[in-house]
Amino acid sequence: MILSGEKTAELRLTRNRIVPFGRVFAGERLYFKIASGPICASAEAAQVELYEDLIPAEIVRLRQSINHAVRGDSAFWRFKANARYATLVYLADVKPCVDGPDISRARAANPRSAWLMLDG
């Protein structure tokens, strides 16, 4: 959906203050990979919004205001209804990616993480 332009923002909702909260900034390049697959796209973080101390009613309002960009289904929003932190990244300059960065070291250090921070 990111490559087709259908999804124009990436949203991470978490119960705890973990990466990417406060660690991704406008102008940085992000890389996206297929679950259990290769890196397939990159995009610039055009704008980053952070939300903290969320309550379920605020998650409902967030869904109403940004789901057109995030494209989350009902199951996603139900699963994330009790999140307390949100990182919303609006994407620009989306490109398919043939040769992405080597993530093996970052993956080895954080094998279960859905979001990795790369050096450099």
PDB file of N, CA and C in Angstrom:
ATOM      1  N   MET A   1       0.820  -1.200   0.000  1.00  0.00           N
ATOM      2  CA  MET A   1       0.000   0.000   0.000  1.00  0.00           C
ATOM      3  C   MET A   1       0.864   1.265   0.000  1.00  0.00           C
ATOM      4  N   ILE A   2       2.052   1.172   0.603  1.00  0.00           N
ATOM      5  CA  ILE A   2       2.940   2.335   0.611  1.00  0.00           C
ATOM      6  C   ILE A   2       3.435   2.623  -0.803  1.00  0.00           C
ATOM      7  N   LEU A   3       3.889   1.588  -1.502  1.00  0.00           N
ATOM      8  CA  LEU A   3       4.405   1.798  -2.858  1.00  0.00           C
ATOM      9  C   LEU A   3       3.336   2.298  -3.820  1.00  0.00           C
ATOM     10  N   SER A   4       2.100   1.876  -3.639  1.00  0.00           N
ATOM     11  CA  SER A   4       1.029   2.319  -4.542  1.00  0.00           C
ATOM     12  C   SER A   4       0.528   3.723  -4.213  1.00  0.00           C
ATOM     13  N   GLY A   5       0.935   4.267  -3.058  1.00  0.00           N
ATOM     14  CA  GLY A   5       0.473   5.589  -2.644  1.00  0.00           C
ATOM     15  C   GLY A   5      -0.839   5.545  -1.888  1.00  0.00           C
ATOM     16  N   GLU A   6      -1.355   4.357  -1.694  1.00  0.00           N
ATOM     17  CA  GLU A   6      -2.619   4.195  -0.965  1.00  0.00           C
ATOM     18  C   GLU A   6      -2.437   4.509   0.528  1.00  0.00           C
ATOM     19  N   LYS A   7      -1.305   4.126   1.073  1.00  0.00           N
ATOM     20  CA  LYS A   7      -0.969   4.394   2.468  1.00  0.00           C
ATOM     21  C   LYS A   7       0.088   5.489   2.482  1.00  0.00           C
ATOM     22  N   THR A   8      -0.222   6.633   3.102  1.00  0.00           N
ATOM     23  CA  THR A   8       0.680   7.780   3.066  1.00  0.00           C
ATOM     24  C   THR A   8       1.298   8.111   4.418  1.00  0.00           C
ATOM     25  N   ALA A   9       0.999   7.283   5.414  1.00  0.00           N
ATOM     26  CA  ALA A   9       1.574   7.496   6.741  1.00  0.00           C
ATOM     27  C   ALA A   9       1.767   6.152   7.428  1.00  0.00           C
ATOM     28  N   GLU A  10       2.765   6.098   8.279  1.00  0.00           N
ATOM     29  CA  GLU A  10       3.038   4.921   9.096  1.00  0.00           C
ATOM     30  C   GLU A  10       2.724   5.284  10.544  1.00  0.00           C
ATOM     31  N   LEU A  11       1.969   4.439  11.227  1.00  0.00           N
ATOM     32  CA  LEU A  11       1.582   4.686  12.607  1.00  0.00           C
ATOM     33  C   LEU A  11       2.051   3.537  13.479  1.00  0.00           C
ATOM     34  N   ARG A  12       2.710   3.867  14.575  1.00  0.00           N
ATOM     35  CA  ARG A  12       3.100   2.868  15.563  1.00  0.00           C
ATOM     36  C   ARG A  12       2.429   3.249  16.878  1.00  0.00           C
ATOM     37  N   LEU A  13       1.556   2.377  17.352  1.00  0.00           N
ATOM     38  CA  LEU A  13       0.864   2.547  18.622  1.00  0.00           C
ATOM     39  C   LEU A  13       1.423   1.520  19.599  1.00  0.00           C
ATOM     40  N   THR A  14       1.861   1.975  20.777  1.00  0.00           N
ATOM     41  CA  THR A  14       2.479   1.075  21.746  1.00  0.00           C
ATOM     42  C   THR A  14       1.995   1.386  23.159  1.00  0.00           C
ATOM     43  N   ARG A  15       2.090   0.388  24.020  1.00  0.00           N
ATOM     44  CA  ARG A  15       1.742   0.573  25.439  1.00  0.00           C
ATOM     45  C   ARG A  15       2.880   1.260  26.181  1.00  0.00           C
ATOM     46  N   ASN A  16       4.098   1.059  25.713  1.00  0.00           N
ATOM     47  CA  ASN A  16       5.274   1.630  26.377  1.00  0.00           C
ATOM     48  C   ASN A  16       5.989   2.594  25.443  1.00  0.00           C
ATOM     49  N   ARG A  17       6.804   3.415  26.018  1.00  0.00           N
ATOM     50  CA  ARG A  17       7.557   4.416  25.248  1.00  0.00           C
ATOM     51  C   ARG A  17       8.789   3.734  24.646  1.00  0.00           C
ATOM     52  N   ILE A  18       8.604   3.106  23.493  1.00  0.00           N
ATOM     53  CA  ILE A  18       9.676   2.359  22.832  1.00  0.00           C
ATOM     54  C   ILE A  18       9.894   2.902  21.424  1.00  0.00           C
ATOM     55  N   VAL A  19      11.000   2.497  20.818  1.00  0.00           N
ATOM     56  CA  VAL A  19      11.297   2.877  19.432  1.00  0.00           C
ATOM     57  C   VAL A  19      10.100   2.500  18.567  1.00  0.00           C
ATOM     58  N   PRO A  20       9.632   3.418  17.734  1.00  0.00           N
ATOM     59  CA  PRO A  20      10.287   4.620  17.233  1.00  0.00           C
ATOM     60  C   PRO A  20       9.938   5.909  17.973  1.00  0.00           C
ATOM     61  N   PHE A  21       9.180   5.844  19.066  1.00  0.00           N
ATOM     62  CA  PHE A  21       8.737   7.058  19.758  1.00  0.00           C
ATOM     63  C   PHE A  21       9.933   7.936  20.127  1.00  0.00           C
ATOM     64  N   GLY A  22       9.935   9.165  19.616  1.00  0.00           N
ATOM     65  CA  GLY A  22      10.994  10.120  19.909  1.00  0.00           C
ATOM     66  C   GLY A  22      12.329   9.840  19.248  1.00  0.00           C
ATOM     67  N   ARG A  23      12.367   8.852  18.357  1.00  0.00           N
ATOM     68  CA  ARG A  23      13.641   8.476  17.738  1.00  0.00           C
ATOM     69  C   ARG A  23      13.662   8.635  16.217  1.00  0.00           C
ATOM     70  N   VAL A  24      12.535   8.990  15.621  1.00  0.00           N
ATOM     71  CA  VAL A  24      12.496   9.219  14.175  1.00  0.00           C
ATOM     72  C   VAL A  24      12.118  10.687  13.957  1.00  0.00           C
ATOM     73  N   PHE A  25      12.776  11.313  12.978  1.00  0.00           N
ATOM     74  CA  PHE A  25      12.614  12.748  12.766  1.00  0.00           C
ATOM     75  C   PHE A  25      12.367  13.054  11.291  1.00  0.00           C
ATOM     76  N   ALA A  26      11.706  14.162  11.053  1.00  0.00           N
ATOM     77  CA  ALA A  26      11.454  14.611   9.684  1.00  0.00           C
ATOM     78  C   ALA A  26      12.780  14.711   8.940  1.00  0.00           C
ATOM     79  N   GLY A  27      12.762  14.276   7.692  1.00  0.00           N
ATOM     80  CA  GLY A  27      13.950  14.319   6.847  1.00  0.00           C
ATOM     81  C   GLY A  27      14.733  13.016   6.830  1.00  0.00           C
ATOM     82  N   GLU A  28      14.467  12.114   7.772  1.00  0.00           N
ATOM     83  CA  GLU A  28      15.172  10.836   7.790  1.00  0.00           C
ATOM     84  C   GLU A  28      14.584   9.890   6.760  1.00  0.00           C
ATOM     85  N   ARG A  29      15.420   8.972   6.304  1.00  0.00           N
ATOM     86  CA  ARG A  29      14.987   7.965   5.332  1.00  0.00           C
ATOM     87  C   ARG A  29      14.574   6.710   6.093  1.00  0.00           C
ATOM     88  N   LEU A  30      13.411   6.189   5.755  1.00  0.00           N
ATOM     89  CA  LEU A  30      12.887   4.967   6.363  1.00  0.00           C
ATOM     90  C   LEU A  30      12.885   3.860   5.321  1.00  0.00           C
ATOM     91  N   TYR A  31      13.089   2.649   5.771  1.00  0.00           N
ATOM     92  CA  TYR A  31      13.062   1.486   4.888  1.00  0.00           C
ATOM     93  C   TYR A  31      11.992   0.527   5.377  1.00  0.00           C
ATOM     94  N   PHE A  32      11.272  -0.053   4.451  1.00  0.00           N
ATOM     95  CA  PHE A  32      10.176  -0.961   4.769  1.00  0.00           C
ATOM     96  C   PHE A  32      10.477  -2.330   4.196  1.00  0.00           C
ATOM     97  N   LYS A  33      10.193  -3.343   4.997  1.00  0.00           N
ATOM     98  CA  LYS A  33      10.416  -4.700   4.515  1.00  0.00           C
ATOM     99  C   LYS A  33       9.141  -5.497   4.637  1.00  0.00           C
ATOM    100  N   ILE A  34       9.047  -6.486   3.820  1.00  0.00           N
ATOM    101  CA  ILE A  34       7.947  -7.428   3.871  1.00  0.00           C
ATOM    102  C   ILE A  34       8.198  -8.332   5.069  1.00  0.00           C
ATOM    103  N   ALA A  35       7.145  -8.678   5.811  1.00  0.00           N
ATOM    104  CA  ALA A  35       7.311  -9.570   6.963  1.00  0.00           C
ATOM    105  C   ALA A  35       8.014 -10.843   6.508  1.00  0.00           C
ATOM    106  N   SER A  36       9.083 -11.180   7.183  1.00  0.00           N
ATOM    107  CA  SER A  36       9.908 -12.349   6.846  1.00  0.00           C
ATOM    108  C   SER A  36      10.447 -12.294   5.421  1.00  0.00           C
ATOM    109  N   GLY A  37      10.602 -11.093   4.896  1.00  0.00           N
ATOM    110  CA  GLY A  37      11.081 -10.942   3.530  1.00  0.00           C
ATOM    111  C   GLY A  37      12.062  -9.792   3.405  1.00  0.00           C
ATOM    112  N   PRO A  38      12.317  -9.384   2.180  1.00  0.00           N
ATOM    113  CA  PRO A  38      13.329  -8.358   1.923  1.00  0.00           C
ATOM    114  C   PRO A  38      12.788  -6.933   2.109  1.00  0.00           C
ATOM    115  N   ILE A  39      13.730  -6.000   2.173  1.00  0.00           N
ATOM    116  CA  ILE A  39      13.376  -4.589   2.140  1.00  0.00           C
ATOM    117  C   ILE A  39      12.843  -4.301   0.748  1.00  0.00           C
ATOM    118  N   CYS A  40      11.696  -3.649   0.669  1.00  0.00           N
ATOM    119  CA  CYS A  40      11.054  -3.454  -0.635  1.00  0.00           C
ATOM    120  C   CYS A  40      10.790  -1.990  -0.969  1.00  0.00           C
ATOM    121  N   ALA A  41      10.910  -1.082   0.017  1.00  0.00           N
ATOM    122  CA  ALA A  41      10.602   0.318  -0.258  1.00  0.00           C
ATOM    123  C   ALA A  41      11.349   1.211   0.716  1.00  0.00           C
ATOM    124  N   SER A  42      11.493   2.461   0.315  1.00  0.00           N
ATOM    125  CA  SER A  42      12.026   3.471   1.216  1.00  0.00           C
ATOM    126  C   SER A  42      11.184   4.730   1.049  1.00  0.00           C
ATOM    127  N   ALA A  43      11.210   5.574   2.081  1.00  0.00           N
ATOM    128  CA  ALA A  43      10.458   6.831   2.040  1.00  0.00           C
ATOM    129  C   ALA A  43      11.119   7.817   2.985  1.00  0.00           C
ATOM    130  N   GLU A  44      10.892   9.079   2.720  1.00  0.00           N
ATOM    131  CA  GLU A  44      11.357  10.124   3.618  1.00  0.00           C
ATOM    132  C   GLU A  44      10.282  10.384   4.660  1.00  0.00           C
ATOM    133  N   ALA A  45      10.687  10.592   5.896  1.00  0.00           N
ATOM    134  CA  ALA A  45       9.763  11.018   6.945  1.00  0.00           C
ATOM    135  C   ALA A  45       9.518  12.511   6.722  1.00  0.00           C
ATOM    136  N   ALA A  46       8.370  12.835   6.144  1.00  0.00           N
ATOM    137  CA  ALA A  46       8.071  14.227   5.812  1.00  0.00           C
ATOM    138  C   ALA A  46       7.669  15.013   7.055  1.00  0.00           C
ATOM    139  N   GLN A  47       6.917  14.366   7.935  1.00  0.00           N
ATOM    140  CA  GLN A  47       6.431  14.995   9.156  1.00  0.00           C
ATOM    141  C   GLN A  47       6.251  13.900  10.194  1.00  0.00           C
ATOM    142  N   VAL A  48       6.611  14.188  11.432  1.00  0.00           N
ATOM    143  CA  VAL A  48       6.477  13.216  12.520  1.00  0.00           C
ATOM    144  C   VAL A  48       5.656  13.855  13.636  1.00  0.00           C
ATOM    145  N   GLU A  49       4.639  13.128  14.094  1.00  0.00           N
ATOM    146  CA  GLU A  49       3.812  13.576  15.210  1.00  0.00           C
ATOM    147  C   GLU A  49       3.880  12.534  16.316  1.00  0.00           C
ATOM    148  N   LEU A  50       4.036  12.996  17.544  1.00  0.00           N
ATOM    149  CA  LEU A  50       4.098  12.117  18.704  1.00  0.00           C
ATOM    150  C   LEU A  50       2.907  12.393  19.609  1.00  0.00           C
ATOM    151  N   TYR A  51       2.331  11.336  20.150  1.00  0.00           N
ATOM    152  CA  TYR A  51       1.223  11.445  21.094  1.00  0.00           C
ATOM    153  C   TYR A  51       1.572  10.567  22.293  1.00  0.00           C
ATOM    154  N   GLU A  52       1.321  11.078  23.490  1.00  0.00           N
ATOM    155  CA  GLU A  52       1.591  10.262  24.676  1.00  0.00           C
ATOM    156  C   GLU A  52       0.465  10.400  25.679  1.00  0.00           C
ATOM    157  N   ASP A  53       0.448   9.488  26.639  1.00  0.00           N
ATOM    158  CA  ASP A  53      -0.597   9.422  27.661  1.00  0.00           C
ATOM    159  C   ASP A  53      -1.983   9.310  27.038  1.00  0.00           C
ATOM    160  N   LEU A  54      -2.066   8.524  25.969  1.00  0.00           N
ATOM    161  CA  LEU A  54      -3.337   8.332  25.277  1.00  0.00           C
ATOM    162  C   LEU A  54      -4.292   7.497  26.122  1.00  0.00           C
ATOM    163  N   ILE A  55      -5.571   7.728  25.909  1.00  0.00           N
ATOM    164  CA  ILE A  55      -6.626   6.906  26.498  1.00  0.00           C
ATOM    165  C   ILE A  55      -7.455   6.366  25.331  1.00  0.00           C
ATOM    166  N   PRO A  56      -8.237   5.305  25.555  1.00  0.00           N
ATOM    167  CA  PRO A  56      -8.985   4.704  24.446  1.00  0.00           C
ATOM    168  C   PRO A  56      -9.821   5.688  23.619  1.00  0.00           C
ATOM    169  N   ALA A  57     -10.435   6.666  24.241  1.00  0.00           N
ATOM    170  CA  ALA A  57     -11.239   7.644  23.491  1.00  0.00           C
ATOM    171  C   ALA A  57     -10.369   8.448  22.522  1.00  0.00           C
ATOM    172  N   GLU A  58      -9.133   8.715  22.916  1.00  0.00           N
ATOM    173  CA  GLU A  58      -8.225   9.450  22.025  1.00  0.00           C
ATOM    174  C   GLU A  58      -7.778   8.572  20.861  1.00  0.00           C
ATOM    175  N   ILE A  59      -7.657   7.272  21.088  1.00  0.00           N
ATOM    176  CA  ILE A  59      -7.333   6.356  19.990  1.00  0.00           C
ATOM    177  C   ILE A  59      -8.470   6.366  18.975  1.00  0.00           C
ATOM    178  N   VAL A  60      -9.707   6.396  19.441  1.00  0.00           N
ATOM    179  CA  VAL A  60     -10.871   6.459  18.539  1.00  0.00           C
ATOM    180  C   VAL A  60     -10.813   7.747  17.721  1.00  0.00           C
ATOM    181  N   ARG A  61     -10.522   8.868  18.369  1.00  0.00           N
ATOM    182  CA  ARG A  61     -10.431  10.146  17.634  1.00  0.00           C
ATOM    183  C   ARG A  61      -9.269  10.124  16.640  1.00  0.00           C
ATOM    184  N   LEU A  62      -8.159   9.529  17.034  1.00  0.00           N
ATOM    185  CA  LEU A  62      -7.007   9.414  16.133  1.00  0.00           C
ATOM    186  C   LEU A  62      -7.400   8.610  14.898  1.00  0.00           C
ATOM    187  N   ARG A  63      -8.080   7.499  15.111  1.00  0.00           N
ATOM    188  CA  ARG A  63      -8.534   6.674  13.986  1.00  0.00           C
ATOM    189  C   ARG A  63      -9.412   7.488  13.038  1.00  0.00           C
ATOM    190  N   GLN A  64     -10.334   8.234  13.590  1.00  0.00           N
ATOM    191  CA  GLN A  64     -11.251   9.025  12.759  1.00  0.00           C
ATOM    192  C   GLN A  64     -10.510  10.085  11.948  1.00  0.00           C
ATOM    193  N   SER A  65      -9.446  10.638  12.518  1.00  0.00           N
ATOM    194  CA  SER A  65      -8.775  11.736  11.825  1.00  0.00           C
ATOM    195  C   SER A  65      -7.661  11.295  10.872  1.00  0.00           C
ATOM    196  N   ILE A  66      -7.052  10.116  11.095  1.00  0.00           N
ATOM    197  CA  ILE A  66      -5.886   9.770  10.263  1.00  0.00           C
ATOM    198  C   ILE A  66      -5.985   8.437   9.527  1.00  0.00           C
ATOM    199  N   ASN A  67      -7.043   7.683   9.742  1.00  0.00           N
ATOM    200  CA  ASN A  67      -7.063   6.351   9.130  1.00  0.00           C
ATOM    201  C   ASN A  67      -7.052   6.397   7.608  1.00  0.00           C
ATOM    202  N   HIS A  68      -7.485   7.494   7.018  1.00  0.00           N
ATOM    203  CA  HIS A  68      -7.412   7.619   5.555  1.00  0.00           C
ATOM    204  C   HIS A  68      -5.960   7.533   5.070  1.00  0.00           C
ATOM    205  N   ALA A  69      -5.018   7.970   5.914  1.00  0.00           N
ATOM    206  CA  ALA A  69      -3.595   7.922   5.560  1.00  0.00           C
ATOM    207  C   ALA A  69      -2.923   6.635   6.035  1.00  0.00           C
ATOM    208  N   VAL A  70      -3.356   6.123   7.173  1.00  0.00           N
ATOM    209  CA  VAL A  70      -2.729   4.957   7.799  1.00  0.00           C
ATOM    210  C   VAL A  70      -3.265   3.644   7.233  1.00  0.00           C
ATOM    211  N   ARG A  71      -4.537   3.623   6.883  1.00  0.00           N
ATOM    212  CA  ARG A  71      -5.192   2.458   6.265  1.00  0.00           C
ATOM    213  C   ARG A  71      -5.231   1.229   7.191  1.00  0.00           C
ATOM    214  N   GLY A  72      -5.442   1.478   8.492  1.00  0.00           N
ATOM    215  CA  GLY A  72      -5.563   0.366   9.431  1.00  0.00           C
ATOM    216  C   GLY A  72      -6.952  -0.255   9.355  1.00  0.00           C
ATOM    217  N   ASP A  73      -7.009  -1.578   9.464  1.00  0.00           N
ATOM    218  CA  ASP A  73      -8.325  -2.220   9.452  1.00  0.00           C
ATOM    219  C   ASP A  73      -8.880  -2.260  10.876  1.00  0.00           C
ATOM    220  N   SER A  74     -10.107  -2.717  11.011  1.00  0.00           N
ATOM    221  CA  SER A  74     -10.769  -2.738  12.316  1.00  0.00           C
ATOM    222  C   SER A  74      -9.998  -3.568  13.336  1.00  0.00           C
ATOM    223  N   ALA A  75      -9.428  -4.689  12.908  1.00  0.00           N
ATOM    224  CA  ALA A  75      -8.669  -5.541  13.823  1.00  0.00           C
ATOM    225  C   ALA A  75      -7.447  -4.796  14.379  1.00  0.00           C
ATOM    226  N   PHE A  76      -6.765  -4.035  13.538  1.00  0.00           N
ATOM    227  CA  PHE A  76      -5.617  -3.251  13.985  1.00  0.00           C
ATOM    228  C   PHE A  76      -6.031  -2.290  15.089  1.00  0.00           C
ATOM    229  N   TRP A  77      -7.097  -1.530  14.847  1.00  0.00           N
ATOM    230  CA  TRP A  77      -7.526  -0.530  15.807  1.00  0.00           C
ATOM    231  C   TRP A  77      -8.028  -1.159  17.108  1.00  0.00           C
ATOM    232  N   ARG A  78      -8.703  -2.291  17.025  1.00  0.00           N
ATOM    233  CA  ARG A  78      -9.140  -2.995  18.240  1.00  0.00           C
ATOM    234  C   ARG A  78      -7.923  -3.457  19.046  1.00  0.00           C
ATOM    235  N   PHE A  79      -6.943  -4.027  18.361  1.00  0.00           N
ATOM    236  CA  PHE A  79      -5.744  -4.530  19.017  1.00  0.00           C
ATOM    237  C   PHE A  79      -4.962  -3.410  19.697  1.00  0.00           C
ATOM    238  N   LYS A  80      -5.002  -2.213  19.138  1.00  0.00           N
ATOM    239  CA  LYS A  80      -4.236  -1.078  19.644  1.00  0.00           C
ATOM    240  C   LYS A  80      -5.062  -0.116  20.505  1.00  0.00           C
ATOM    241  N   ALA A  81      -6.272  -0.493  20.872  1.00  0.00           N
ATOM    242  CA  ALA A  81      -7.197   0.392  21.590  1.00  0.00           C
ATOM    243  C   ALA A  81      -6.653   0.882  22.934  1.00  0.00           C
ATOM    244  N   ASN A  82      -5.765   0.139  23.555  1.00  0.00           N
ATOM    245  CA  ASN A  82      -5.223   0.526  24.859  1.00  0.00           C
ATOM    246  C   ASN A  82      -3.797   1.055  24.788  1.00  0.00           C
ATOM    247  N   ALA A  83      -3.373   1.445  23.603  1.00  0.00           N
ATOM    248  CA  ALA A  83      -2.032   2.020  23.458  1.00  0.00           C
ATOM    249  C   ALA A  83      -1.964   3.351  24.212  1.00  0.00           C
ATOM    250  N   ARG A  84      -0.785   3.665  24.678  1.00  0.00           N
ATOM    251  CA  ARG A  84      -0.581   4.918  25.393  1.00  0.00           C
ATOM    252  C   ARG A  84       0.309   5.894  24.617  1.00  0.00           C
ATOM    253  N   TYR A  85       1.057   5.363  23.632  1.00  0.00           N
ATOM    254  CA  TYR A  85       1.978   6.191  22.844  1.00  0.00           C
ATOM    255  C   TYR A  85       1.729   5.969  21.362  1.00  0.00           C
ATOM    256  N   ALA A  86       1.894   7.035  20.599  1.00  0.00           N
ATOM    257  CA  ALA A  86       1.734   6.925  19.152  1.00  0.00           C
ATOM    258  C   ALA A  86       2.835   7.716  18.459  1.00  0.00           C
ATOM    259  N   THR A  87       3.379   7.116  17.419  1.00  0.00           N
ATOM    260  CA  THR A  87       4.317   7.782  16.521  1.00  0.00           C
ATOM    261  C   THR A  87       3.678   7.739  15.143  1.00  0.00           C
ATOM    262  N   LEU A  88       3.378   8.902  14.602  1.00  0.00           N
ATOM    263  CA  LEU A  88       2.749   9.024  13.284  1.00  0.00           C
ATOM    264  C   LEU A  88       3.758   9.672  12.348  1.00  0.00           C
ATOM    265  N   VAL A  89       4.105   8.964  11.270  1.00  0.00           N
ATOM    266  CA  VAL A  89       5.096   9.458  10.322  1.00  0.00           C
ATOM    267  C   VAL A  89       4.430   9.590   8.958  1.00  0.00           C
ATOM    268  N   TYR A  90       4.315  10.825   8.466  1.00  0.00           N
ATOM    269  CA  TYR A  90       3.808  11.053   7.116  1.00  0.00           C
ATOM    270  C   TYR A  90       4.954  10.820   6.131  1.00  0.00           C
ATOM    271  N   LEU A  91       4.669  10.100   5.065  1.00  0.00           N
ATOM    272  CA  LEU A  91       5.701   9.659   4.128  1.00  0.00           C
ATOM    273  C   LEU A  91       5.740  10.506   2.867  1.00  0.00           C
ATOM    274  N   ALA A  92       6.935  10.708   2.347  1.00  0.00           N
ATOM    275  CA  ALA A  92       7.141  11.417   1.076  1.00  0.00           C
ATOM    276  C   ALA A  92       8.251  10.707   0.323  1.00  0.00           C
ATOM    277  N   ASP A  93       8.366  11.004  -0.956  1.00  0.00           N
ATOM    278  CA  ASP A  93       9.442  10.470  -1.796  1.00  0.00           C
ATOM    279  C   ASP A  93       9.569   8.949  -1.656  1.00  0.00           C
ATOM    280  N   VAL A  94       8.446   8.271  -1.792  1.00  0.00           N
ATOM    281  CA  VAL A  94       8.417   6.808  -1.684  1.00  0.00           C
ATOM    282  C   VAL A  94       9.030   6.204  -2.942  1.00  0.00           C
ATOM    283  N   LYS A  95       9.921   5.224  -2.729  1.00  0.00           N
ATOM    284  CA  LYS A  95      10.594   4.581  -3.862  1.00  0.00           C
ATOM    285  C   LYS A  95      10.680   3.080  -3.629  1.00  0.00           C
ATOM    286  N   PRO A  96      10.551   2.294  -4.698  1.00  0.00           N
ATOM    287  CA  PRO A  96      10.860   0.870  -4.544  1.00  0.00           C
ATOM    288  C   PRO A  96      12.340   0.727  -4.231  1.00  0.00           C
ATOM    289  N   CYS A  97      12.697  -0.315  -3.545  1.00  0.00           N
ATOM    290  CA  CYS A  97      14.061  -0.479  -3.068  1.00  0.00           C
ATOM    291  C   CYS A  97      14.592  -1.839  -3.489  1.00  0.00           C
ATOM    292  N   VAL A  98      15.598  -1.844  -4.320  1.00  0.00           N
ATOM    293  CA  VAL A  98      16.214  -3.099  -4.741  1.00  0.00           C
ATOM    294  C   VAL A  98      17.327  -3.467  -3.770  1.00  0.00           C
ATOM    295  N   ASP A  99      18.186  -2.522  -3.460  1.00  0.00           N
ATOM    296  CA  ASP A  99      19.306  -2.751  -2.550  1.00  0.00           C
ATOM    297  C   ASP A  99      19.133  -1.863  -1.324  1.00  0.00           C
ATOM    298  N   GLY A 100      18.533  -2.404  -0.280  1.00  0.00           N
ATOM    299  CA  GLY A 100      18.375  -1.664   0.962  1.00  0.00           C
ATOM    300  C   GLY A 100      19.605  -1.808   1.825  1.00  0.00           C
ATOM    301  N   PRO A 101      19.609  -1.138   2.962  1.00  0.00           N
ATOM    302  CA  PRO A 101      20.761  -1.243   3.860  1.00  0.00           C
ATOM    303  C   PRO A 101      20.853  -2.637   4.464  1.00  0.00           C
ATOM    304  N   ASP A 102      22.034  -2.979   4.935  1.00  0.00           N
ATOM    305  CA  ASP A 102      22.241  -4.264   5.607  1.00  0.00           C
ATOM    306  C   ASP A 102      21.690  -4.131   7.030  1.00  0.00           C
ATOM    307  N   ILE A 103      20.664  -4.904   7.340  1.00  0.00           N
ATOM    308  CA  ILE A 103      20.043  -4.817   8.663  1.00  0.00           C
ATOM    309  C   ILE A 103      20.416  -5.990   9.567  1.00  0.00           C
ATOM    310  N   SER A 104      21.348  -6.820   9.130  1.00  0.00           N
ATOM    311  CA  SER A 104      21.653  -8.041   9.871  1.00  0.00           C
ATOM    312  C   SER A 104      22.155  -7.761  11.290  1.00  0.00           C
ATOM    313  N   ARG A 105      23.008  -6.771  11.486  1.00  0.00           N
ATOM    314  CA  ARG A 105      23.506  -6.465  12.839  1.00  0.00           C
ATOM    315  C   ARG A 105      22.396  -5.930  13.719  1.00  0.00           C
ATOM    316  N   ALA A 106      21.598  -5.028  13.183  1.00  0.00           N
ATOM    317  CA  ALA A 106      20.494  -4.473  13.964  1.00  0.00           C
ATOM    318  C   ALA A 106      19.463  -5.548  14.284  1.00  0.00           C
ATOM    319  N   ARG A 107      19.190  -6.425  13.344  1.00  0.00           N
ATOM    320  CA  ARG A 107      18.237  -7.516  13.564  1.00  0.00           C
ATOM    321  C   ARG A 107      18.766  -8.490  14.609  1.00  0.00           C
ATOM    322  N   ALA A 108      20.068  -8.792  14.574  1.00  0.00           N
ATOM    323  CA  ALA A 108      20.657  -9.705  15.553  1.00  0.00           C
ATOM    324  C   ALA A 108      20.549  -9.131  16.967  1.00  0.00           C
ATOM    325  N   ALA A 109      20.712  -7.825  17.093  1.00  0.00           N
ATOM    326  CA  ALA A 109      20.628  -7.184  18.406  1.00  0.00           C
ATOM    327  C   ALA A 109      19.194  -7.080  18.914  1.00  0.00           C
ATOM    328  N   ASN A 110      18.240  -7.029  17.990  1.00  0.00           N
ATOM    329  CA  ASN A 110      16.820  -6.867  18.335  1.00  0.00           C
ATOM    330  C   ASN A 110      15.974  -7.802  17.485  1.00  0.00           C
ATOM    331  N   PRO A 111      16.083  -9.099  17.671  1.00  0.00           N
ATOM    332  CA  PRO A 111      15.459 -10.042  16.740  1.00  0.00           C
ATOM    333  C   PRO A 111      13.937  -9.969  16.657  1.00  0.00           C
ATOM    334  N   ARG A 112      13.279  -9.482  17.678  1.00  0.00           N
ATOM    335  CA  ARG A 112      11.818  -9.443  17.665  1.00  0.00           C
ATOM    336  C   ARG A 112      11.251  -8.062  17.391  1.00  0.00           C
ATOM    337  N   SER A 113      12.101  -7.069  17.249  1.00  0.00           N
ATOM    338  CA  SER A 113      11.636  -5.694  17.073  1.00  0.00           C
ATOM    339  C   SER A 113      11.062  -5.469  15.682  1.00  0.00           C
ATOM    340  N   ALA A 114       9.947  -4.773  15.630  1.00  0.00           N
ATOM    341  CA  ALA A 114       9.335  -4.421  14.348  1.00  0.00           C
ATOM    342  C   ALA A 114       9.937  -3.134  13.783  1.00  0.00           C
ATOM    343  N   TRP A 115      10.696  -2.416  14.580  1.00  0.00           N
ATOM    344  CA  TRP A 115      11.291  -1.159  14.164  1.00  0.00           C
ATOM    345  C   TRP A 115      12.747  -1.171  14.573  1.00  0.00           C
ATOM    346  N   LEU A 116      13.649  -1.035  13.635  1.00  0.00           N
ATOM    347  CA  LEU A 116      15.077  -1.064  13.923  1.00  0.00           C
ATOM    348  C   LEU A 116      15.707   0.295  13.644  1.00  0.00           C
ATOM    349  N   MET A 117      16.633   0.697  14.489  1.00  0.00           N
ATOM    350  CA  MET A 117      17.406   1.914  14.275  1.00  0.00           C
ATOM    351  C   MET A 117      18.769   1.482  13.755  1.00  0.00           C
ATOM    352  N   LEU A 118      19.171   2.023  12.595  1.00  0.00           N
ATOM    353  CA  LEU A 118      20.456   1.661  11.997  1.00  0.00           C
ATOM    354  C   LEU A 118      21.482   2.746  12.304  1.00  0.00           C
ATOM    355  N   ASP A 119      22.711   2.338  12.505  1.00  0.00           N
ATOM    356  CA  ASP A 119      23.785   3.315  12.712  1.00  0.00           C
ATOM    357  C   ASP A 119      24.024   4.090  11.428  1.00  0.00           C
ATOM    358  N   GLY A 120      24.329   5.378  11.586  1.00  0.00           N
ATOM    359  CA  GLY A 120      24.641   6.191  10.434  1.00  0.00           C
ATOM    360  C   GLY A 120      23.413   6.636   9.758  1.00  0.00           C
TER     361      GLY A 120
END
